[in-house]
Amino acid sequence: MYRIEIDRSLCSGFGSCAELAPGRFVLGPDGIAAVPEAETDDEDVLEAAASCPMGAIAVYDERGRQAA
């Protein structure tokens, strides 16, 4: 299980996260990324977080260690 956090102050709305893990990340009406569900088993969130050019996405494993 992964827990996703987005630092909205860093997000530039680039959208790679939403492209790589659709449904796990969405761009809101303000153009900033959001997560409909903060926890998931979907490993695609790791690649999506790594693709963020602003480093706005952090993904934590079930032990609370940062996975991405």
N, C-alpha and C. Protein backbone atom coordinates (compact mmCIF):
# COMPACT_ATOMS: atom_id res chain seq x y z
N MET A 1 0.85 -1.17 0.00
CA MET A 1 0.00 0.00 0.00
C MET A 1 0.90 1.24 0.00
N TYR A 2 0.53 2.21 -0.80
CA TYR A 2 1.26 3.47 -0.88
C TYR A 2 0.36 4.63 -0.47
N ARG A 3 0.94 5.61 0.19
CA ARG A 3 0.23 6.83 0.55
C ARG A 3 0.86 7.97 -0.26
N ILE A 4 0.03 8.74 -0.92
CA ILE A 4 0.48 9.79 -1.82
C ILE A 4 0.22 11.16 -1.18
N GLU A 5 1.23 12.02 -1.27
CA GLU A 5 1.07 13.40 -0.82
C GLU A 5 1.57 14.33 -1.92
N ILE A 6 0.82 15.39 -2.15
CA ILE A 6 1.22 16.39 -3.14
C ILE A 6 1.42 17.72 -2.43
N ASP A 7 2.58 18.33 -2.66
CA ASP A 7 2.83 19.68 -2.15
C ASP A 7 2.27 20.64 -3.20
N ARG A 8 1.08 21.11 -2.96
CA ARG A 8 0.39 21.96 -3.93
C ARG A 8 1.14 23.25 -4.22
N SER A 9 1.97 23.69 -3.30
CA SER A 9 2.72 24.93 -3.54
C SER A 9 3.85 24.72 -4.54
N LEU A 10 4.24 23.46 -4.76
CA LEU A 10 5.29 23.15 -5.73
C LEU A 10 4.74 22.74 -7.09
N CYS A 11 3.51 22.26 -7.14
CA CYS A 11 2.94 21.73 -8.37
C CYS A 11 2.77 22.84 -9.41
N SER A 12 3.25 22.55 -10.63
CA SER A 12 3.10 23.52 -11.72
C SER A 12 2.04 23.09 -12.73
N GLY A 13 1.38 21.96 -12.48
CA GLY A 13 0.33 21.48 -13.37
C GLY A 13 0.86 20.87 -14.66
N PHE A 14 2.09 20.40 -14.64
CA PHE A 14 2.70 19.81 -15.83
C PHE A 14 1.86 18.64 -16.36
N GLY A 15 1.33 17.80 -15.47
CA GLY A 15 0.39 16.75 -15.84
C GLY A 15 0.96 15.38 -16.12
N SER A 16 2.27 15.20 -16.00
CA SER A 16 2.84 13.88 -16.28
C SER A 16 2.30 12.83 -15.30
N CYS A 17 2.04 13.22 -14.09
CA CYS A 17 1.50 12.27 -13.11
C CYS A 17 0.15 11.73 -13.56
N ALA A 18 -0.71 12.61 -14.05
CA ALA A 18 -2.04 12.19 -14.51
C ALA A 18 -1.95 11.33 -15.76
N GLU A 19 -0.95 11.55 -16.59
CA GLU A 19 -0.77 10.74 -17.79
C GLU A 19 -0.25 9.34 -17.44
N LEU A 20 0.67 9.26 -16.47
CA LEU A 20 1.29 7.98 -16.12
C LEU A 20 0.45 7.13 -15.17
N ALA A 21 -0.37 7.77 -14.36
CA ALA A 21 -1.23 7.03 -13.43
C ALA A 21 -2.63 7.65 -13.45
N PRO A 22 -3.31 7.50 -14.61
CA PRO A 22 -4.65 8.08 -14.70
C PRO A 22 -5.59 7.49 -13.65
N GLY A 23 -6.39 8.35 -13.09
CA GLY A 23 -7.30 7.93 -12.04
C GLY A 23 -6.68 8.03 -10.66
N ARG A 24 -5.38 7.93 -10.58
CA ARG A 24 -4.68 8.09 -9.30
C ARG A 24 -4.31 9.55 -9.07
N PHE A 25 -4.04 10.25 -10.18
CA PHE A 25 -3.76 11.68 -10.15
C PHE A 25 -4.69 12.35 -11.15
N VAL A 26 -5.20 13.50 -10.79
CA VAL A 26 -6.02 14.31 -11.70
C VAL A 26 -5.57 15.75 -11.58
N LEU A 27 -5.77 16.49 -12.64
CA LEU A 27 -5.52 17.94 -12.58
C LEU A 27 -6.85 18.60 -12.27
N GLY A 28 -6.86 19.38 -11.20
CA GLY A 28 -8.08 20.06 -10.80
C GLY A 28 -8.38 21.25 -11.69
N PRO A 29 -9.50 21.91 -11.46
CA PRO A 29 -9.88 23.07 -12.26
C PRO A 29 -8.85 24.21 -12.18
N ASP A 30 -8.07 24.20 -11.10
CA ASP A 30 -7.03 25.21 -10.94
C ASP A 30 -5.72 24.81 -11.62
N GLY A 31 -5.71 23.61 -12.26
CA GLY A 31 -4.52 23.13 -12.96
C GLY A 31 -3.51 22.45 -12.07
N ILE A 32 -3.83 22.30 -10.80
CA ILE A 32 -2.94 21.69 -9.82
C ILE A 32 -3.33 20.22 -9.62
N ALA A 33 -2.32 19.36 -9.49
CA ALA A 33 -2.57 17.93 -9.31
C ALA A 33 -3.24 17.64 -7.97
N ALA A 34 -4.08 16.62 -8.01
CA ALA A 34 -4.76 16.16 -6.80
C ALA A 34 -4.86 14.64 -6.89
N VAL A 35 -5.11 14.02 -5.75
CA VAL A 35 -5.31 12.57 -5.72
C VAL A 35 -6.72 12.29 -5.19
N PRO A 36 -7.54 11.59 -6.00
CA PRO A 36 -8.89 11.24 -5.52
C PRO A 36 -8.85 10.34 -4.29
N GLU A 37 -7.85 9.44 -4.23
CA GLU A 37 -7.68 8.57 -3.07
C GLU A 37 -6.21 8.62 -2.67
N ALA A 38 -5.94 8.93 -1.42
CA ALA A 38 -4.56 9.12 -0.97
C ALA A 38 -3.80 7.81 -0.79
N GLU A 39 -4.50 6.67 -0.79
CA GLU A 39 -3.83 5.38 -0.63
C GLU A 39 -4.18 4.46 -1.79
N THR A 40 -3.18 3.70 -2.24
CA THR A 40 -3.37 2.80 -3.37
C THR A 40 -2.32 1.70 -3.37
N ASP A 41 -2.63 0.62 -4.06
CA ASP A 41 -1.67 -0.46 -4.30
C ASP A 41 -1.00 -0.31 -5.66
N ASP A 42 -1.44 0.65 -6.45
CA ASP A 42 -0.99 0.84 -7.82
C ASP A 42 0.46 1.33 -7.86
N GLU A 43 1.35 0.49 -8.36
CA GLU A 43 2.78 0.85 -8.43
C GLU A 43 3.06 1.93 -9.46
N ASP A 44 2.11 2.23 -10.33
CA ASP A 44 2.30 3.30 -11.31
C ASP A 44 2.50 4.65 -10.63
N VAL A 45 2.05 4.78 -9.38
CA VAL A 45 2.22 6.06 -8.69
C VAL A 45 3.70 6.36 -8.44
N LEU A 46 4.53 5.33 -8.37
CA LEU A 46 5.97 5.54 -8.15
C LEU A 46 6.60 6.23 -9.37
N GLU A 47 6.29 5.72 -10.55
CA GLU A 47 6.81 6.33 -11.78
C GLU A 47 6.23 7.73 -11.97
N ALA A 48 4.95 7.87 -11.66
CA ALA A 48 4.31 9.17 -11.81
C ALA A 48 4.96 10.21 -10.89
N ALA A 49 5.25 9.82 -9.66
CA ALA A 49 5.91 10.74 -8.73
C ALA A 49 7.31 11.09 -9.21
N ALA A 50 8.03 10.10 -9.70
CA ALA A 50 9.39 10.33 -10.18
C ALA A 50 9.40 11.24 -11.41
N SER A 51 8.31 11.27 -12.16
CA SER A 51 8.26 12.08 -13.38
C SER A 51 7.95 13.54 -13.11
N CYS A 52 7.56 13.87 -11.89
CA CYS A 52 7.18 15.26 -11.57
C CYS A 52 8.42 16.16 -11.64
N PRO A 53 8.43 17.12 -12.58
CA PRO A 53 9.60 17.98 -12.71
C PRO A 53 9.81 18.92 -11.53
N MET A 54 8.77 19.13 -10.75
CA MET A 54 8.86 20.04 -9.61
C MET A 54 9.13 19.31 -8.29
N GLY A 55 9.09 17.98 -8.31
CA GLY A 55 9.29 17.21 -7.08
C GLY A 55 8.16 17.42 -6.08
N ALA A 56 6.96 17.66 -6.60
CA ALA A 56 5.82 17.98 -5.74
C ALA A 56 5.14 16.75 -5.14
N ILE A 57 5.48 15.56 -5.64
CA ILE A 57 4.78 14.35 -5.21
C ILE A 57 5.69 13.48 -4.36
N ALA A 58 5.18 13.08 -3.21
CA ALA A 58 5.89 12.13 -2.35
C ALA A 58 5.00 10.91 -2.17
N VAL A 59 5.61 9.74 -2.27
CA VAL A 59 4.88 8.49 -2.08
C VAL A 59 5.56 7.73 -0.95
N TYR A 60 4.76 7.27 0.01
CA TYR A 60 5.28 6.57 1.18
C TYR A 60 4.76 5.14 1.20
N ASP A 61 5.61 4.21 1.65
CA ASP A 61 5.18 2.82 1.78
C ASP A 61 4.43 2.63 3.09
N GLU A 62 3.99 1.40 3.35
CA GLU A 62 3.19 1.13 4.54
C GLU A 62 3.94 1.35 5.85
N ARG A 63 5.24 1.41 5.80
CA ARG A 63 6.05 1.68 6.99
C ARG A 63 6.32 3.17 7.18
N GLY A 64 5.82 3.99 6.24
CA GLY A 64 6.01 5.42 6.32
C GLY A 64 7.32 5.91 5.71
N ARG A 65 8.03 4.98 5.04
CA ARG A 65 9.27 5.37 4.37
C ARG A 65 8.95 5.92 2.99
N GLN A 66 9.67 6.95 2.61
CA GLN A 66 9.43 7.54 1.30
C GLN A 66 9.87 6.56 0.22
N ALA A 67 8.93 6.22 -0.67
CA ALA A 67 9.20 5.28 -1.75
C ALA A 67 9.50 6.01 -3.05
N ALA A 68 9.05 7.23 -3.17
CA ALA A 68 9.32 8.05 -4.36
C ALA A 68 9.19 9.51 -4.01
